[in-house]
Amino acid sequence: MARSKAHENLHKLAPILYDTLVHLELLPYRELTTPEALKAALQGGDRLLIDATERAYHRSQNEAKQREHDRGKKTADVEDHGQGAA
């Protein structure tokens, strides 16, 4: 399947899948903000799957706060490379 056709099919079929999951009450919980919500979500279930691949993170508009959270991964190689060349 060509990439453009796959993209077209995804946008055509995703709403149908979503509506079906809602209708069958099979839509997974996305966010559980309290321990009580977690307990309610686990009622009657024998398996818990946690997807931790994405985490919501909102960058601060304050430059100093952004630097506090920056791990420096993007610039570490550049800085090391620059020191080795000197």
PDB file of N, CA and C in Angstrom:
ATOM      1  N   MET A   1       0.850  -1.172   0.000  1.00  0.00           N
ATOM      2  CA  MET A   1       0.000   0.000   0.000  1.00  0.00           C
ATOM      3  C   MET A   1       0.897   1.237   0.000  1.00  0.00           C
ATOM      4  N   ALA A   2       0.599   2.165  -0.851  1.00  0.00           N
ATOM      5  CA  ALA A   2       1.367   3.400  -0.926  1.00  0.00           C
ATOM      6  C   ALA A   2       1.150   4.234   0.326  1.00  0.00           C
ATOM      7  N   ARG A   3       2.148   5.018   0.652  1.00  0.00           N
ATOM      8  CA  ARG A   3       2.090   5.845   1.860  1.00  0.00           C
ATOM      9  C   ARG A   3       0.885   6.784   1.828  1.00  0.00           C
ATOM     10  N   SER A   4       0.620   7.400   0.684  1.00  0.00           N
ATOM     11  CA  SER A   4      -0.500   8.342   0.608  1.00  0.00           C
ATOM     12  C   SER A   4      -1.832   7.624   0.819  1.00  0.00           C
ATOM     13  N   LYS A   5      -1.956   6.397   0.301  1.00  0.00           N
ATOM     14  CA  LYS A   5      -3.196   5.631   0.469  1.00  0.00           C
ATOM     15  C   LYS A   5      -3.348   5.200   1.932  1.00  0.00           C
ATOM     16  N   ALA A   6      -2.258   4.812   2.570  1.00  0.00           N
ATOM     17  CA  ALA A   6      -2.306   4.436   3.986  1.00  0.00           C
ATOM     18  C   ALA A   6      -2.750   5.625   4.834  1.00  0.00           C
ATOM     19  N   HIS A   7      -2.216   6.794   4.526  1.00  0.00           N
ATOM     20  CA  HIS A   7      -2.586   8.008   5.262  1.00  0.00           C
ATOM     21  C   HIS A   7      -4.073   8.305   5.069  1.00  0.00           C
ATOM     22  N   GLU A   8      -4.536   8.175   3.841  1.00  0.00           N
ATOM     23  CA  GLU A   8      -5.949   8.419   3.539  1.00  0.00           C
ATOM     24  C   GLU A   8      -6.842   7.429   4.284  1.00  0.00           C
ATOM     25  N   ASN A   9      -6.463   6.147   4.268  1.00  0.00           N
ATOM     26  CA  ASN A   9      -7.255   5.123   4.955  1.00  0.00           C
ATOM     27  C   ASN A   9      -7.260   5.332   6.459  1.00  0.00           C
ATOM     28  N   LEU A  10      -6.135   5.743   7.003  1.00  0.00           N
ATOM     29  CA  LEU A  10      -6.066   5.993   8.441  1.00  0.00           C
ATOM     30  C   LEU A  10      -7.073   7.061   8.848  1.00  0.00           C
ATOM     31  N   HIS A  11      -7.105   8.153   8.107  1.00  0.00           N
ATOM     32  CA  HIS A  11      -8.022   9.245   8.452  1.00  0.00           C
ATOM     33  C   HIS A  11      -9.478   8.890   8.165  1.00  0.00           C
ATOM     34  N   LYS A  12      -9.700   7.969   7.250  1.00  0.00           N
ATOM     35  CA  LYS A  12     -11.064   7.548   6.944  1.00  0.00           C
ATOM     36  C   LYS A  12     -11.578   6.549   7.980  1.00  0.00           C
ATOM     37  N   LEU A  13     -10.715   5.640   8.437  1.00  0.00           N
ATOM     38  CA  LEU A  13     -11.148   4.540   9.294  1.00  0.00           C
ATOM     39  C   LEU A  13     -10.986   4.797  10.788  1.00  0.00           C
ATOM     40  N   ALA A  14     -10.114   5.707  11.189  1.00  0.00           N
ATOM     41  CA  ALA A  14      -9.891   5.976  12.614  1.00  0.00           C
ATOM     42  C   ALA A  14     -11.167   6.403  13.334  1.00  0.00           C
ATOM     43  N   PRO A  15     -11.985   7.286  12.772  1.00  0.00           N
ATOM     44  CA  PRO A  15     -13.231   7.655  13.469  1.00  0.00           C
ATOM     45  C   PRO A  15     -14.189   6.473  13.625  1.00  0.00           C
ATOM     46  N   ILE A  16     -14.203   5.576  12.656  1.00  0.00           N
ATOM     47  CA  ILE A  16     -15.068   4.397  12.746  1.00  0.00           C
ATOM     48  C   ILE A  16     -14.604   3.496  13.888  1.00  0.00           C
ATOM     49  N   LEU A  17     -13.294   3.297  13.985  1.00  0.00           N
ATOM     50  CA  LEU A  17     -12.740   2.490  15.078  1.00  0.00           C
ATOM     51  C   LEU A  17     -13.059   3.126  16.427  1.00  0.00           C
ATOM     52  N   TYR A  18     -12.863   4.435  16.535  1.00  0.00           N
ATOM     53  CA  TYR A  18     -13.133   5.133  17.788  1.00  0.00           C
ATOM     54  C   TYR A  18     -14.600   4.975  18.190  1.00  0.00           C
ATOM     55  N   ASP A  19     -15.506   5.224  17.256  1.00  0.00           N
ATOM     56  CA  ASP A  19     -16.939   5.106  17.552  1.00  0.00           C
ATOM     57  C   ASP A  19     -17.307   3.685  17.973  1.00  0.00           C
ATOM     58  N   THR A  20     -16.695   2.694  17.340  1.00  0.00           N
ATOM     59  CA  THR A  20     -16.964   1.294  17.681  1.00  0.00           C
ATOM     60  C   THR A  20     -16.482   0.972  19.088  1.00  0.00           C
ATOM     61  N   LEU A  21     -15.283   1.433  19.429  1.00  0.00           N
ATOM     62  CA  LEU A  21     -14.750   1.194  20.773  1.00  0.00           C
ATOM     63  C   LEU A  21     -15.613   1.870  21.840  1.00  0.00           C
ATOM     64  N   VAL A  22     -16.104   3.062  21.548  1.00  0.00           N
ATOM     65  CA  VAL A  22     -16.999   3.752  22.486  1.00  0.00           C
ATOM     66  C   VAL A  22     -18.300   2.966  22.632  1.00  0.00           C
ATOM     67  N   HIS A  23     -18.874   2.556  21.517  1.00  0.00           N
ATOM     68  CA  HIS A  23     -20.152   1.823  21.531  1.00  0.00           C
ATOM     69  C   HIS A  23     -20.034   0.509  22.305  1.00  0.00           C
ATOM     70  N   LEU A  24     -18.920  -0.198  22.140  1.00  0.00           N
ATOM     71  CA  LEU A  24     -18.718  -1.473  22.826  1.00  0.00           C
ATOM     72  C   LEU A  24     -18.154  -1.300  24.233  1.00  0.00           C
ATOM     73  N   GLU A  25     -17.955  -0.046  24.637  1.00  0.00           N
ATOM     74  CA  GLU A  25     -17.371   0.282  25.948  1.00  0.00           C
ATOM     75  C   GLU A  25     -16.018  -0.391  26.136  1.00  0.00           C
ATOM     76  N   LEU A  26     -15.204  -0.353  25.090  1.00  0.00           N
ATOM     77  CA  LEU A  26     -13.872  -0.946  25.129  1.00  0.00           C
ATOM     78  C   LEU A  26     -12.766   0.090  25.013  1.00  0.00           C
ATOM     79  N   LEU A  27     -13.136   1.352  25.031  1.00  0.00           N
ATOM     80  CA  LEU A  27     -12.137   2.402  24.919  1.00  0.00           C
ATOM     81  C   LEU A  27     -11.271   2.396  26.175  1.00  0.00           C
ATOM     82  N   PRO A  28      -9.949   2.336  26.024  1.00  0.00           N
ATOM     83  CA  PRO A  28      -9.085   2.268  27.209  1.00  0.00           C
ATOM     84  C   PRO A  28      -9.072   3.592  27.968  1.00  0.00           C
ATOM     85  N   TYR A  29      -8.779   3.497  29.263  1.00  0.00           N
ATOM     86  CA  TYR A  29      -8.616   4.693  30.076  1.00  0.00           C
ATOM     87  C   TYR A  29      -7.320   5.353  29.671  1.00  0.00           C
ATOM     88  N   ARG A  30      -7.336   6.643  29.482  1.00  0.00           N
ATOM     89  CA  ARG A  30      -6.134   7.365  29.057  1.00  0.00           C
ATOM     90  C   ARG A  30      -5.442   8.066  30.218  1.00  0.00           C
ATOM     91  N   GLU A  31      -6.225   8.655  31.099  1.00  0.00           N
ATOM     92  CA  GLU A  31      -5.636   9.368  32.224  1.00  0.00           C
ATOM     93  C   GLU A  31      -6.420   9.065  33.485  1.00  0.00           C
ATOM     94  N   LEU A  32      -5.718   8.687  34.506  1.00  0.00           N
ATOM     95  CA  LEU A  32      -6.319   8.429  35.813  1.00  0.00           C
ATOM     96  C   LEU A  32      -5.660   9.398  36.779  1.00  0.00           C
ATOM     97  N   THR A  33      -6.415  10.391  37.199  1.00  0.00           N
ATOM     98  CA  THR A  33      -5.828  11.481  37.972  1.00  0.00           C
ATOM     99  C   THR A  33      -5.834  11.268  39.472  1.00  0.00           C
ATOM    100  N   THR A  34      -6.633  10.310  39.954  1.00  0.00           N
ATOM    101  CA  THR A  34      -6.706  10.076  41.399  1.00  0.00           C
ATOM    102  C   THR A  34      -6.602   8.576  41.670  1.00  0.00           C
ATOM    103  N   PRO A  35      -6.207   8.205  42.877  1.00  0.00           N
ATOM    104  CA  PRO A  35      -6.186   6.783  43.223  1.00  0.00           C
ATOM    105  C   PRO A  35      -7.568   6.138  43.108  1.00  0.00           C
ATOM    106  N   GLU A  36      -8.605   6.905  43.411  1.00  0.00           N
ATOM    107  CA  GLU A  36      -9.963   6.374  43.311  1.00  0.00           C
ATOM    108  C   GLU A  36     -10.314   6.044  41.854  1.00  0.00           C
ATOM    109  N   ALA A  37      -9.878   6.891  40.931  1.00  0.00           N
ATOM    110  CA  ALA A  37     -10.130   6.633  39.507  1.00  0.00           C
ATOM    111  C   ALA A  37      -9.404   5.367  39.063  1.00  0.00           C
ATOM    112  N   LEU A  38      -8.194   5.144  39.570  1.00  0.00           N
ATOM    113  CA  LEU A  38      -7.456   3.924  39.250  1.00  0.00           C
ATOM    114  C   LEU A  38      -8.176   2.699  39.788  1.00  0.00           C
ATOM    115  N   LYS A  39      -8.634   2.758  41.033  1.00  0.00           N
ATOM    116  CA  LYS A  39      -9.370   1.630  41.622  1.00  0.00           C
ATOM    117  C   LYS A  39     -10.633   1.328  40.827  1.00  0.00           C
ATOM    118  N   ALA A  40     -11.354   2.362  40.406  1.00  0.00           N
ATOM    119  CA  ALA A  40     -12.573   2.164  39.618  1.00  0.00           C
ATOM    120  C   ALA A  40     -12.247   1.532  38.267  1.00  0.00           C
ATOM    121  N   ALA A  41     -11.133   1.939  37.669  1.00  0.00           N
ATOM    122  CA  ALA A  41     -10.747   1.400  36.365  1.00  0.00           C
ATOM    123  C   ALA A  41     -10.342  -0.066  36.465  1.00  0.00           C
ATOM    124  N   LEU A  42      -9.817  -0.478  37.608  1.00  0.00           N
ATOM    125  CA  LEU A  42      -9.343  -1.852  37.770  1.00  0.00           C
ATOM    126  C   LEU A  42     -10.438  -2.824  38.180  1.00  0.00           C
ATOM    127  N   GLN A  43     -11.617  -2.330  38.501  1.00  0.00           N
ATOM    128  CA  GLN A  43     -12.711  -3.202  38.921  1.00  0.00           C
ATOM    129  C   GLN A  43     -13.049  -4.210  37.821  1.00  0.00           C
ATOM    130  N   GLY A  44     -13.047  -5.492  38.185  1.00  0.00           N
ATOM    131  CA  GLY A  44     -13.439  -6.538  37.244  1.00  0.00           C
ATOM    132  C   GLY A  44     -12.364  -6.926  36.254  1.00  0.00           C
ATOM    133  N   GLY A  45     -11.212  -6.309  36.321  1.00  0.00           N
ATOM    134  CA  GLY A  45     -10.138  -6.638  35.385  1.00  0.00           C
ATOM    135  C   GLY A  45      -9.111  -7.546  36.022  1.00  0.00           C
ATOM    136  N   ASP A  46      -8.485  -8.376  35.208  1.00  0.00           N
ATOM    137  CA  ASP A  46      -7.441  -9.245  35.734  1.00  0.00           C
ATOM    138  C   ASP A  46      -6.076  -8.897  35.149  1.00  0.00           C
ATOM    139  N   ARG A  47      -6.027  -7.833  34.314  1.00  0.00           N
ATOM    140  CA  ARG A  47      -4.766  -7.452  33.694  1.00  0.00           C
ATOM    141  C   ARG A  47      -4.692  -5.935  33.587  1.00  0.00           C
ATOM    142  N   LEU A  48      -3.520  -5.388  33.850  1.00  0.00           N
ATOM    143  CA  LEU A  48      -3.289  -3.958  33.753  1.00  0.00           C
ATOM    144  C   LEU A  48      -2.141  -3.726  32.785  1.00  0.00           C
ATOM    145  N   LEU A  49      -2.371  -2.938  31.752  1.00  0.00           N
ATOM    146  CA  LEU A  49      -1.333  -2.564  30.796  1.00  0.00           C
ATOM    147  C   LEU A  49      -1.062  -1.081  30.944  1.00  0.00           C
ATOM    148  N   ILE A  50       0.198  -0.734  31.079  1.00  0.00           N
ATOM    149  CA  ILE A  50       0.572   0.666  31.220  1.00  0.00           C
ATOM    150  C   ILE A  50       1.491   1.029  30.063  1.00  0.00           C
ATOM    151  N   ASP A  51       1.093   2.021  29.298  1.00  0.00           N
ATOM    152  CA  ASP A  51       1.906   2.519  28.200  1.00  0.00           C
ATOM    153  C   ASP A  51       2.589   3.789  28.673  1.00  0.00           C
ATOM    154  N   ALA A  52       3.873   3.703  28.868  1.00  0.00           N
ATOM    155  CA  ALA A  52       4.614   4.852  29.384  1.00  0.00           C
ATOM    156  C   ALA A  52       5.534   5.436  28.320  1.00  0.00           C
ATOM    157  N   THR A  53       5.174   5.263  27.055  1.00  0.00           N
ATOM    158  CA  THR A  53       6.040   5.756  25.994  1.00  0.00           C
ATOM    159  C   THR A  53       5.922   7.251  25.783  1.00  0.00           C
ATOM    160  N   GLU A  54       4.809   7.838  26.140  1.00  0.00           N
ATOM    161  CA  GLU A  54       4.633   9.272  25.979  1.00  0.00           C
ATOM    162  C   GLU A  54       4.234   9.894  27.301  1.00  0.00           C
ATOM    163  N   ARG A  55       4.826  11.033  27.572  1.00  0.00           N
ATOM    164  CA  ARG A  55       4.468  11.772  28.767  1.00  0.00           C
ATOM    165  C   ARG A  55       4.184  13.211  28.371  1.00  0.00           C
ATOM    166  N   ALA A  56       3.100  13.729  28.888  1.00  0.00           N
ATOM    167  CA  ALA A  56       2.780  15.124  28.600  1.00  0.00           C
ATOM    168  C   ALA A  56       3.780  16.017  29.308  1.00  0.00           C
ATOM    169  N   TYR A  57       4.389  16.918  28.568  1.00  0.00           N
ATOM    170  CA  TYR A  57       5.334  17.860  29.156  1.00  0.00           C
ATOM    171  C   TYR A  57       5.152  19.188  28.438  1.00  0.00           C
ATOM    172  N   HIS A  58       4.860  20.206  29.198  1.00  0.00           N
ATOM    173  CA  HIS A  58       4.672  21.525  28.628  1.00  0.00           C
ATOM    174  C   HIS A  58       5.873  22.374  28.990  1.00  0.00           C
ATOM    175  N   ARG A  59       6.556  22.854  27.964  1.00  0.00           N
ATOM    176  CA  ARG A  59       7.738  23.680  28.190  1.00  0.00           C
ATOM    177  C   ARG A  59       7.335  25.034  28.744  1.00  0.00           C
ATOM    178  N   SER A  60       8.079  25.473  29.693  1.00  0.00           N
ATOM    179  CA  SER A  60       7.852  26.785  30.287  1.00  0.00           C
ATOM    180  C   SER A  60       8.250  27.867  29.295  1.00  0.00           C
ATOM    181  N   GLN A  61       7.579  28.985  29.355  1.00  0.00           N
ATOM    182  CA  GLN A  61       7.951  30.123  28.522  1.00  0.00           C
ATOM    183  C   GLN A  61       9.147  30.859  29.114  1.00  0.00           C
ATOM    184  N   ASN A  62       9.444  30.572  30.371  1.00  0.00           N
ATOM    185  CA  ASN A  62      10.570  31.185  31.053  1.00  0.00           C
ATOM    186  C   ASN A  62      11.846  30.444  30.655  1.00  0.00           C
ATOM    187  N   GLU A  63      12.800  31.155  30.053  1.00  0.00           N
ATOM    188  CA  GLU A  63      14.017  30.519  29.555  1.00  0.00           C
ATOM    189  C   GLU A  63      14.831  29.856  30.667  1.00  0.00           C
ATOM    190  N   ALA A  64      14.887  30.459  31.832  1.00  0.00           N
ATOM    191  CA  ALA A  64      15.652  29.884  32.942  1.00  0.00           C
ATOM    192  C   ALA A  64      15.049  28.552  33.378  1.00  0.00           C
ATOM    193  N   LYS A  65      13.721  28.467  33.421  1.00  0.00           N
ATOM    194  CA  LYS A  65      13.072  27.214  33.797  1.00  0.00           C
ATOM    195  C   LYS A  65      13.266  26.150  32.729  1.00  0.00           C
ATOM    196  N   GLN A  66      13.277  26.553  31.461  1.00  0.00           N
ATOM    197  CA  GLN A  66      13.524  25.592  30.389  1.00  0.00           C
ATOM    198  C   GLN A  66      14.908  24.974  30.544  1.00  0.00           C
ATOM    199  N   ARG A  67      15.886  25.792  30.881  1.00  0.00           N
ATOM    200  CA  ARG A  67      17.257  25.288  31.040  1.00  0.00           C
ATOM    201  C   ARG A  67      17.381  24.322  32.215  1.00  0.00           C
ATOM    202  N   GLU A  68      16.558  24.514  33.257  1.00  0.00           N
ATOM    203  CA  GLU A  68      16.578  23.595  34.395  1.00  0.00           C
ATOM    204  C   GLU A  68      16.195  22.183  33.959  1.00  0.00           C
ATOM    205  N   HIS A  69      15.237  22.079  33.013  1.00  0.00           N
ATOM    206  CA  HIS A  69      14.748  20.780  32.570  1.00  0.00           C
ATOM    207  C   HIS A  69      15.546  20.214  31.408  1.00  0.00           C
ATOM    208  N   ASP A  70      16.387  21.013  30.781  1.00  0.00           N
ATOM    209  CA  ASP A  70      17.171  20.563  29.635  1.00  0.00           C
ATOM    210  C   ASP A  70      18.298  19.655  30.121  1.00  0.00           C
ATOM    211  N   ARG A  71      18.367  18.464  29.538  1.00  0.00           N
ATOM    212  CA  ARG A  71      19.413  17.519  29.938  1.00  0.00           C
ATOM    213  C   ARG A  71      20.690  17.717  29.137  1.00  0.00           C
ATOM    214  N   GLY A  72      20.655  18.567  28.127  1.00  0.00           N
ATOM    215  CA  GLY A  72      21.850  18.854  27.363  1.00  0.00           C
ATOM    216  C   GLY A  72      22.230  17.781  26.363  1.00  0.00           C
ATOM    217  N   LYS A  73      21.352  16.843  26.091  1.00  0.00           N
ATOM    218  CA  LYS A  73      21.694  15.739  25.196  1.00  0.00           C
ATOM    219  C   LYS A  73      22.007  16.210  23.777  1.00  0.00           C
ATOM    220  N   LYS A  74      21.309  17.221  23.301  1.00  0.00           N
ATOM    221  CA  LYS A  74      21.514  17.663  21.929  1.00  0.00           C
ATOM    222  C   LYS A  74      22.845  18.383  21.764  1.00  0.00           C
ATOM    223  N   THR A  75      23.326  19.038  22.800  1.00  0.00           N
ATOM    224  CA  THR A  75      24.553  19.821  22.672  1.00  0.00           C
ATOM    225  C   THR A  75      25.772  19.113  23.240  1.00  0.00           C
ATOM    226  N   ALA A  76      25.599  17.990  23.931  1.00  0.00           N
ATOM    227  CA  ALA A  76      26.738  17.329  24.572  1.00  0.00           C
ATOM    228  C   ALA A  76      27.769  16.886  23.542  1.00  0.00           C
ATOM    229  N   ASP A  77      27.336  16.295  22.428  1.00  0.00           N
ATOM    230  CA  ASP A  77      28.285  15.843  21.410  1.00  0.00           C
ATOM    231  C   ASP A  77      28.984  17.020  20.752  1.00  0.00           C
ATOM    232  N   VAL A  78      28.263  18.087  20.512  1.00  0.00           N
ATOM    233  CA  VAL A  78      28.846  19.268  19.875  1.00  0.00           C
ATOM    234  C   VAL A  78      29.910  19.865  20.782  1.00  0.00           C
ATOM    235  N   GLU A  79      29.608  19.950  22.076  1.00  0.00           N
ATOM    236  CA  GLU A  79      30.568  20.515  23.012  1.00  0.00           C
ATOM    237  C   GLU A  79      31.807  19.633  23.124  1.00  0.00           C
ATOM    238  N   ASP A  80      31.616  18.297  23.196  1.00  0.00           N
ATOM    239  CA  ASP A  80      32.744  17.381  23.290  1.00  0.00           C
ATOM    240  C   ASP A  80      33.579  17.447  22.024  1.00  0.00           C
ATOM    241  N   HIS A  81      32.923  17.505  20.896  1.00  0.00           N
ATOM    242  CA  HIS A  81      33.603  17.545  19.620  1.00  0.00           C
ATOM    243  C   HIS A  81      34.420  18.842  19.518  1.00  0.00           C
ATOM    244  N   GLY A  82      33.832  19.927  19.970  1.00  0.00           N
ATOM    245  CA  GLY A  82      34.502  21.217  19.924  1.00  0.00           C
ATOM    246  C   GLY A  82      35.735  21.231  20.799  1.00  0.00           C
ATOM    247  N   GLN A  83      35.704  20.551  21.945  1.00  0.00           N
ATOM    248  CA  GLN A  83      36.866  20.527  22.847  1.00  0.00           C
ATOM    249  C   GLN A  83      37.974  19.653  22.268  1.00  0.00           C
ATOM    250  N   GLY A  84      37.575  18.567  21.586  1.00  0.00           N
ATOM    251  CA  GLY A  84      38.586  17.670  21.005  1.00  0.00           C
ATOM    252  C   GLY A  84      39.318  18.318  19.867  1.00  0.00           C
ATOM    253  N   ALA A  85      38.687  19.250  19.150  1.00  0.00           N
ATOM    254  CA  ALA A  85      39.307  19.886  18.000  1.00  0.00           C
ATOM    255  C   ALA A  85      40.292  20.963  18.427  1.00  0.00           C
ATOM    256  N   ALA A  86      40.216  21.444  19.643  1.00  0.00           N
ATOM    257  CA  ALA A  86      41.069  22.546  20.084  1.00  0.00           C
ATOM    258  C   ALA A  86      42.439  22.080  20.460  1.00  0.00           C
TER     259      ALA A  86
END
